C-alpha atoms as a PDB file:
ATOM      1  CA  MET A   1       0.072  -0.046   0.035  1.00  0.00           C
ATOM      2  CA  VAL A   2       1.723   2.546  -0.265  1.00  0.00           C
ATOM      3  CA  SER A   3       2.182   5.907  -0.338  1.00  0.00           C
ATOM      4  CA  SER A   4       2.017   9.064   0.789  1.00  0.00           C
ATOM      5  CA  GLY A   5       0.468  11.783   2.688  1.00  0.00           C
ATOM      6  CA  GLY A   6      -3.205  11.370   4.192  1.00  0.00           C
ATOM      7  CA  GLY A   7      -6.565  11.867   2.749  1.00  0.00           C
ATOM      8  CA  GLN A   8      -7.333  15.070   5.384  1.00  0.00           C
ATOM      9  CA  ALA A   9      -8.046  18.364   3.885  1.00  0.00           C
ATOM     10  CA  PRO A  10      -5.321  20.815   3.675  1.00  0.00           C
ATOM     11  CA  LEU A  11      -4.813  23.327   6.575  1.00  0.00           C
ATOM     12  CA  PRO A  12      -5.639  26.948   5.852  1.00  0.00           C
ATOM     13  CA  GLU A  13      -2.937  29.036   4.497  1.00  0.00           C
ATOM     14  CA  ALA A  14      -2.785  31.118   7.772  1.00  0.00           C
ATOM     15  CA  LYS A  15      -2.026  27.805   9.701  1.00  0.00           C
ATOM     16  CA  ARG A  16       0.419  26.917   7.313  1.00  0.00           C
ATOM     17  CA  VAL A  17       2.229  30.169   7.582  1.00  0.00           C
ATOM     18  CA  SER A  18       1.830  30.150  11.517  1.00  0.00           C
ATOM     19  CA  LEU A  19       3.299  26.592  11.698  1.00  0.00           C
ATOM     20  CA  VAL A  20       6.727  27.562   9.972  1.00  0.00           C
ATOM     21  CA  GLU A  21       7.112  30.740  11.789  1.00  0.00           C
ATOM     22  CA  SER A  22       6.237  28.629  14.841  1.00  0.00           C
ATOM     23  CA  ALA A  23       9.108  26.330  13.893  1.00  0.00           C
ATOM     24  CA  SER A  24      11.616  29.486  13.125  1.00  0.00           C
ATOM     25  CA  SER A  25      11.049  31.067  16.267  1.00  0.00           C
ATOM     26  CA  VAL A  26      11.408  27.643  18.106  1.00  0.00           C
ATOM     27  CA  ALA A  27      14.970  27.239  16.190  1.00  0.00           C
ATOM     28  CA  ALA A  28      16.298  30.703  16.302  1.00  0.00           C
ATOM     29  CA  PRO A  29      18.218  30.654  19.559  1.00  0.00           C
ATOM     30  CA  ASP A  30      19.646  27.298  18.557  1.00  0.00           C
ATOM     31  CA  GLY A  31      23.062  27.662  16.703  1.00  0.00           C
ATOM     32  CA  ARG A  32      22.702  24.179  14.804  1.00  0.00           C
ATOM     33  CA  PRO A  33      22.193  24.197  11.027  1.00  0.00           C
ATOM     34  CA  LEU A  34      18.519  23.497  10.226  1.00  0.00           C
ATOM     35  CA  ILE A  35      17.188  20.381   8.289  1.00  0.00           C
ATOM     36  CA  VAL A  36      13.711  20.819   7.453  1.00  0.00           C
ATOM     37  CA  ALA A  37      11.457  18.143   6.890  1.00  0.00           C
ATOM     38  CA  PHE A  38       9.052  19.785   4.167  1.00  0.00           C
ATOM     39  CA  GLY A  39       6.156  17.461   3.301  1.00  0.00           C
ATOM     40  CA  ASP A  40       2.728  16.567   4.059  1.00  0.00           C
ATOM     41  CA  SER A  41       1.356  13.905   6.715  1.00  0.00           C
ATOM     42  CA  LEU A  42       4.053  11.498   6.206  1.00  0.00           C
ATOM     43  CA  SER A  43       6.051  14.137   7.732  1.00  0.00           C
ATOM     44  CA  ALA A  44       3.890  15.680  10.108  1.00  0.00           C
ATOM     45  CA  GLY A  45       3.490  12.482  11.728  1.00  0.00           C
ATOM     46  CA  HIS A  46      -0.363  11.951  11.377  1.00  0.00           C
ATOM     47  CA  GLY A  47      -1.766   9.391  13.764  1.00  0.00           C
ATOM     48  CA  VAL A  48       1.249   8.890  16.108  1.00  0.00           C
ATOM     49  CA  GLY A  49       2.049  10.832  19.469  1.00  0.00           C
ATOM     50  CA  PRO A  50       4.730  13.593  19.928  1.00  0.00           C
ATOM     51  CA  GLY A  51       8.258  12.538  19.167  1.00  0.00           C
ATOM     52  CA  GLN A  52       7.035   9.491  16.729  1.00  0.00           C
ATOM     53  CA  SER A  53       7.337  11.165  13.643  1.00  0.00           C
ATOM     54  CA  TYR A  54       9.942  10.376  11.154  1.00  0.00           C
ATOM     55  CA  PRO A  55      11.721  13.561  11.719  1.00  0.00           C
ATOM     56  CA  ALA A  56      11.619  12.993  15.180  1.00  0.00           C
ATOM     57  CA  PHE A  57      13.549   9.586  15.142  1.00  0.00           C
ATOM     58  CA  LEU A  58      16.070  11.356  12.314  1.00  0.00           C
ATOM     59  CA  GLN A  59      16.951  13.879  15.105  1.00  0.00           C
ATOM     60  CA  ALA A  60      17.803  10.943  17.405  1.00  0.00           C
ATOM     61  CA  ALA A  61      19.601   9.242  14.811  1.00  0.00           C
ATOM     62  CA  LEU A  62      21.865  12.488  13.704  1.00  0.00           C
ATOM     63  CA  ASP A  63      22.342  13.090  17.507  1.00  0.00           C
ATOM     64  CA  ASP A  64      23.398   9.482  18.038  1.00  0.00           C
ATOM     65  CA  ALA A  65      25.980   9.598  15.001  1.00  0.00           C
ATOM     66  CA  GLY A  66      27.265  12.758  16.587  1.00  0.00           C
ATOM     67  CA  TYR A  67      25.656  15.276  13.469  1.00  0.00           C
ATOM     68  CA  ARG A  68      25.026  18.605  14.990  1.00  0.00           C
ATOM     69  CA  TYR A  69      21.842  19.596  13.103  1.00  0.00           C
ATOM     70  CA  ARG A  70      18.583  20.564  14.305  1.00  0.00           C
ATOM     71  CA  VAL A  71      15.445  18.917  12.504  1.00  0.00           C
ATOM     72  CA  VAL A  72      12.478  21.128  12.148  1.00  0.00           C
ATOM     73  CA  ASN A  73       9.401  19.425  10.948  1.00  0.00           C
ATOM     74  CA  ALA A  74       7.409  21.411   8.429  1.00  0.00           C
ATOM     75  CA  GLY A  75       4.885  18.789   7.294  1.00  0.00           C
ATOM     76  CA  VAL A  76       1.325  19.819   6.797  1.00  0.00           C
ATOM     77  CA  SER A  77      -1.464  16.727   6.746  1.00  0.00           C
ATOM     78  CA  GLY A  78      -2.984  16.453   3.431  1.00  0.00           C
ATOM     79  CA  ASP A  79      -0.778  18.914   1.501  1.00  0.00           C
ATOM     80  CA  THR A  80      -0.279  18.727  -2.150  1.00  0.00           C
ATOM     81  CA  THR A  81       2.603  19.851  -4.271  1.00  0.00           C
ATOM     82  CA  GLY A  82       0.581  23.165  -5.087  1.00  0.00           C
ATOM     83  CA  GLY A  83       0.178  23.737  -1.530  1.00  0.00           C
ATOM     84  CA  GLY A  84       3.891  23.243  -0.621  1.00  0.00           C
ATOM     85  CA  LEU A  85       4.722  25.605  -3.624  1.00  0.00           C
ATOM     86  CA  SER A  86       2.641  28.181  -1.604  1.00  0.00           C
ATOM     87  CA  ARG A  87       4.826  27.966   1.323  1.00  0.00           C
ATOM     88  CA  ALA A  88       8.185  27.216  -0.299  1.00  0.00           C
ATOM     89  CA  GLY A  89       9.286  30.793   0.523  1.00  0.00           C
ATOM     90  CA  ALA A  90       8.440  30.457   4.039  1.00  0.00           C
ATOM     91  CA  ILE A  91      10.620  27.309   4.095  1.00  0.00           C
ATOM     92  CA  THR A  92      13.611  29.231   2.534  1.00  0.00           C
ATOM     93  CA  GLY A  93      13.037  31.953   5.243  1.00  0.00           C
ATOM     94  CA  LEU A  94      14.323  29.431   7.903  1.00  0.00           C
ATOM     95  CA  LYS A  95      17.496  29.361   6.023  1.00  0.00           C
ATOM     96  CA  PRO A  96      17.769  25.491   6.167  1.00  0.00           C
ATOM     97  CA  ALA A  97      20.951  23.853   5.420  1.00  0.00           C
ATOM     98  CA  ALA A  98      19.170  20.903   4.054  1.00  0.00           C
ATOM     99  CA  VAL A  99      15.383  20.459   2.958  1.00  0.00           C
ATOM    100  CA  ILE A 100      14.058  16.850   2.899  1.00  0.00           C
ATOM    101  CA  LEU A 101      11.028  17.565   0.167  1.00  0.00           C
ATOM    102  CA  GLU A 102       8.592  15.016   0.517  1.00  0.00           C
ATOM    103  CA  LEU A 103       5.462  16.012  -1.402  1.00  0.00           C
ATOM    104  CA  GLY A 104       3.463  14.351  -4.218  1.00  0.00           C
ATOM    105  CA  GLY A 105       1.689  11.621  -2.672  1.00  0.00           C
ATOM    106  CA  ASN A 106      -1.530  13.355  -2.027  1.00  0.00           C
ATOM    107  CA  ASP A 107      -1.421  14.384  -5.975  1.00  0.00           C
ATOM    108  CA  GLY A 108      -1.153  10.739  -6.901  1.00  0.00           C
ATOM    109  CA  LEU A 109      -3.884   9.654  -4.573  1.00  0.00           C
ATOM    110  CA  ARG A 110      -6.411  12.473  -6.094  1.00  0.00           C
ATOM    111  CA  GLY A 111      -5.611  11.450  -9.592  1.00  0.00           C
ATOM    112  CA  LEU A 112      -3.941  15.051 -10.499  1.00  0.00           C
ATOM    113  CA  PRO A 113      -2.139  15.538 -13.635  1.00  0.00           C
ATOM    114  CA  ILE A 114       1.272  14.011 -13.768  1.00  0.00           C
ATOM    115  CA  GLU A 115       2.363  17.146 -15.567  1.00  0.00           C
ATOM    116  CA  SER A 116       1.123  19.240 -12.794  1.00  0.00           C
ATOM    117  CA  THR A 117       2.896  17.500  -9.957  1.00  0.00           C
ATOM    118  CA  SER A 118       6.071  17.432 -11.973  1.00  0.00           C
ATOM    119  CA  ALA A 119       5.865  21.171 -12.614  1.00  0.00           C
ATOM    120  CA  ASN A 120       5.297  22.092  -8.910  1.00  0.00           C
ATOM    121  CA  LEU A 121       7.834  19.948  -7.751  1.00  0.00           C
ATOM    122  CA  GLU A 122      10.175  21.504 -10.234  1.00  0.00           C
ATOM    123  CA  GLN A 123       9.440  25.213  -9.196  1.00  0.00           C
ATOM    124  CA  ILE A 124       9.725  23.972  -5.259  1.00  0.00           C
ATOM    125  CA  ILE A 125      13.055  22.699  -5.947  1.00  0.00           C
ATOM    126  CA  GLY A 126      14.255  25.538  -7.974  1.00  0.00           C
ATOM    127  CA  ILE A 127      13.130  27.863  -5.222  1.00  0.00           C
ATOM    128  CA  LEU A 128      15.014  25.774  -2.321  1.00  0.00           C
ATOM    129  CA  ARG A 129      18.060  25.481  -4.279  1.00  0.00           C
ATOM    130  CA  LYS A 130      18.331  29.147  -4.792  1.00  0.00           C
ATOM    131  CA  SER A 131      18.322  29.576  -1.211  1.00  0.00           C
ATOM    132  CA  GLY A 132      21.528  27.523  -1.088  1.00  0.00           C
ATOM    133  CA  ALA A 133      19.961  24.686   0.721  1.00  0.00           C
ATOM    134  CA  LEU A 134      20.749  21.047  -0.183  1.00  0.00           C
ATOM    135  CA  VAL A 135      17.606  19.430  -1.512  1.00  0.00           C
ATOM    136  CA  VAL A 136      17.019  16.006  -0.780  1.00  0.00           C
ATOM    137  CA  LEU A 137      14.118  14.345  -2.606  1.00  0.00           C
ATOM    138  CA  ALA A 138      11.724  11.602  -1.060  1.00  0.00           C
ATOM    139  CA  GLY A 139      10.464   9.514  -3.662  1.00  0.00           C
ATOM    140  CA  MET A 140       6.797   8.132  -3.488  1.00  0.00           C
ATOM    141  CA  THR A 141       4.514   5.406  -4.974  1.00  0.00           C
ATOM    142  CA  LEU A 142       0.852   4.470  -5.202  1.00  0.00           C
ATOM    143  CA  PRO A 143      -1.503   1.679  -4.457  1.00  0.00           C
ATOM    144  CA  PRO A 144      -1.707  -0.745  -7.376  1.00  0.00           C
ATOM    145  CA  ASN A 145      -5.477   0.077  -8.208  1.00  0.00           C
ATOM    146  CA  TYR A 146      -4.144   3.237  -9.707  1.00  0.00           C
ATOM    147  CA  GLY A 147      -3.059   1.191 -12.968  1.00  0.00           C
ATOM    148  CA  ALA A 148       0.981   0.225 -13.700  1.00  0.00           C
ATOM    149  CA  GLY A 149       1.067   3.068 -16.366  1.00  0.00           C
ATOM    150  CA  TYR A 150      -0.088   6.074 -14.065  1.00  0.00           C
ATOM    151  CA  ILE A 151       2.156   4.583 -11.217  1.00  0.00           C
ATOM    152  CA  GLU A 152       5.218   4.125 -13.421  1.00  0.00           C
ATOM    153  CA  GLN A 153       4.785   7.917 -14.496  1.00  0.00           C
ATOM    154  CA  PHE A 154       4.546   9.097 -11.169  1.00  0.00           C
ATOM    155  CA  GLU A 155       7.483   7.443  -9.721  1.00  0.00           C
ATOM    156  CA  ASN A 156       9.356   8.552 -12.868  1.00  0.00           C
ATOM    157  CA  VAL A 157       8.765  12.271 -11.798  1.00  0.00           C
ATOM    158  CA  TYR A 158      10.896  11.895  -8.741  1.00  0.00           C
ATOM    159  CA  LYS A 159      13.467   9.773 -10.679  1.00  0.00           C
ATOM    160  CA  ARG A 160      13.778  12.291 -13.433  1.00  0.00           C
ATOM    161  CA  LEU A 161      13.905  15.354 -11.331  1.00  0.00           C
ATOM    162  CA  ALA A 162      16.615  13.877  -9.074  1.00  0.00           C
ATOM    163  CA  ALA A 163      18.623  13.271 -12.248  1.00  0.00           C
ATOM    164  CA  LYS A 164      17.997  16.573 -13.786  1.00  0.00           C
ATOM    165  CA  TYR A 165      19.193  18.676 -10.529  1.00  0.00           C
ATOM    166  CA  ARG A 166      21.335  16.034  -9.067  1.00  0.00           C
ATOM    167  CA  LEU A 167      19.631  15.800  -6.200  1.00  0.00           C
ATOM    168  CA  PRO A 168      20.097  12.919  -3.724  1.00  0.00           C
ATOM    169  CA  LEU A 169      17.114  10.609  -3.936  1.00  0.00           C
ATOM    170  CA  ILE A 170      15.446   8.573  -1.253  1.00  0.00           C
ATOM    171  CA  PRO A 171      14.010   6.205  -3.621  1.00  0.00           C
ATOM    172  CA  PHE A 172      10.760   5.485  -1.549  1.00  0.00           C
ATOM    173  CA  LEU A 173      10.524   7.015   1.644  1.00  0.00           C
ATOM    174  CA  LEU A 174       8.356   3.949   3.281  1.00  0.00           C
ATOM    175  CA  GLU A 175      10.848   1.447   1.729  1.00  0.00           C
ATOM    176  CA  GLY A 176      10.678  -1.685   4.167  1.00  0.00           C
ATOM    177  CA  VAL A 177       7.666  -0.194   5.859  1.00  0.00           C
ATOM    178  CA  ALA A 178       4.516   0.039   3.129  1.00  0.00           C
ATOM    179  CA  GLY A 179       2.615  -3.120   3.614  1.00  0.00           C
ATOM    180  CA  ARG A 180       4.507  -4.440   6.663  1.00  0.00           C
ATOM    181  CA  PRO A 181       2.159  -5.386   9.626  1.00  0.00           C
ATOM    182  CA  GLY A 182       3.065  -3.274  12.668  1.00  0.00           C
ATOM    183  CA  LEU A 183       4.489  -0.476  10.520  1.00  0.00           C
ATOM    184  CA  MET A 184       1.539   0.689   9.132  1.00  0.00           C
ATOM    185  CA  GLN A 185      -1.633   2.023  10.670  1.00  0.00           C
ATOM    186  CA  GLU A 186      -4.806   0.687  10.099  1.00  0.00           C
ATOM    187  CA  ASP A 187      -5.513   3.196   6.868  1.00  0.00           C
ATOM    188  CA  GLY A 188      -2.807   1.418   5.049  1.00  0.00           C
ATOM    189  CA  ILE A 189      -1.232   4.928   4.108  1.00  0.00           C
ATOM    190  CA  HIS A 190       0.680   6.312   7.149  1.00  0.00           C
ATOM    191  CA  PRO A 191       3.256   4.624   9.235  1.00  0.00           C
ATOM    192  CA  THR A 192       2.977   3.617  12.874  1.00  0.00           C
ATOM    193  CA  ALA A 193       5.669   4.854  15.363  1.00  0.00           C
ATOM    194  CA  GLU A 194       8.008   1.963  14.757  1.00  0.00           C
ATOM    195  CA  GLY A 195       7.296   2.508  11.000  1.00  0.00           C
ATOM    196  CA  ASN A 196       8.337   6.051  11.092  1.00  0.00           C
ATOM    197  CA  ARG A 197      11.679   4.676  12.852  1.00  0.00           C
ATOM    198  CA  VAL A 198      12.172   2.686   9.729  1.00  0.00           C
ATOM    199  CA  ALA A 199      11.379   5.534   7.570  1.00  0.00           C
ATOM    200  CA  ALA A 200      13.779   7.823   9.644  1.00  0.00           C
ATOM    201  CA  ARG A 201      16.586   5.188   8.802  1.00  0.00           C
ATOM    202  CA  ASN A 202      15.919   5.440   5.126  1.00  0.00           C
ATOM    203  CA  VAL A 203      16.224   9.296   5.195  1.00  0.00           C
ATOM    204  CA  PHE A 204      19.345   8.874   7.324  1.00  0.00           C
ATOM    205  CA  ARG A 205      21.321   6.730   4.937  1.00  0.00           C
ATOM    206  CA  VAL A 206      20.743   9.284   2.078  1.00  0.00           C
ATOM    207  CA  ILE A 207      21.446  12.473   3.719  1.00  0.00           C
ATOM    208  CA  ALA A 208      24.272  11.552   6.012  1.00  0.00           C
ATOM    209  CA  PRO A 209      26.984  11.544   3.592  1.00  0.00           C
ATOM    210  CA  PHE A 210      26.426  15.232   2.753  1.00  0.00           C
ATOM    211  CA  LEU A 211      26.381  16.578   6.092  1.00  0.00           C
ATOM    212  CA  LYS A 212      29.257  17.792   8.118  1.00  0.00           C
ATOM    213  CA  LYS A 213      30.006  16.525  11.746  1.00  0.00           C
END
């Protein structure tokens, strides 16, 4: 099963902005470079308790490995690439050293045109790269009922953009999680706390070689 961020309605724009502003104000006194988890409910930690999202587990993994970075969770449940594009400027306002871009799953689940998803992601990547941040792209897939052709086109968006802009690519954020009992919630879309721990390891393996100790 797959996939990507939940079926909840996107937050109003005011709440999107306040979420990022809040993250900024919390992070300001901390001198560590920021890694921003920019995504939908998979980043936000839908359905799990505080400290059990993948960004929280990523922070723990970085700390344990001796990397002095602070992970900021900028996930918004239900967000699409269009919604992400509207708040990309607020993300760059945090002056992140790196951004884990995890968006597009909700586009796919809603059957939105592949061209639109691709164009939005490409614009987001351009905005983030212009700020000087390292952009790590998190790939997604879709349930088999969406059809092999659509799924292949959807997955290729991430591969193509990663190759075009030479971005570190997490082939599938939920590799080793999706479809596994105990690692996915009953909705079949969102990971459990333990599933998020595995997803954090997937992210850590890709991003760690680009970080400084």
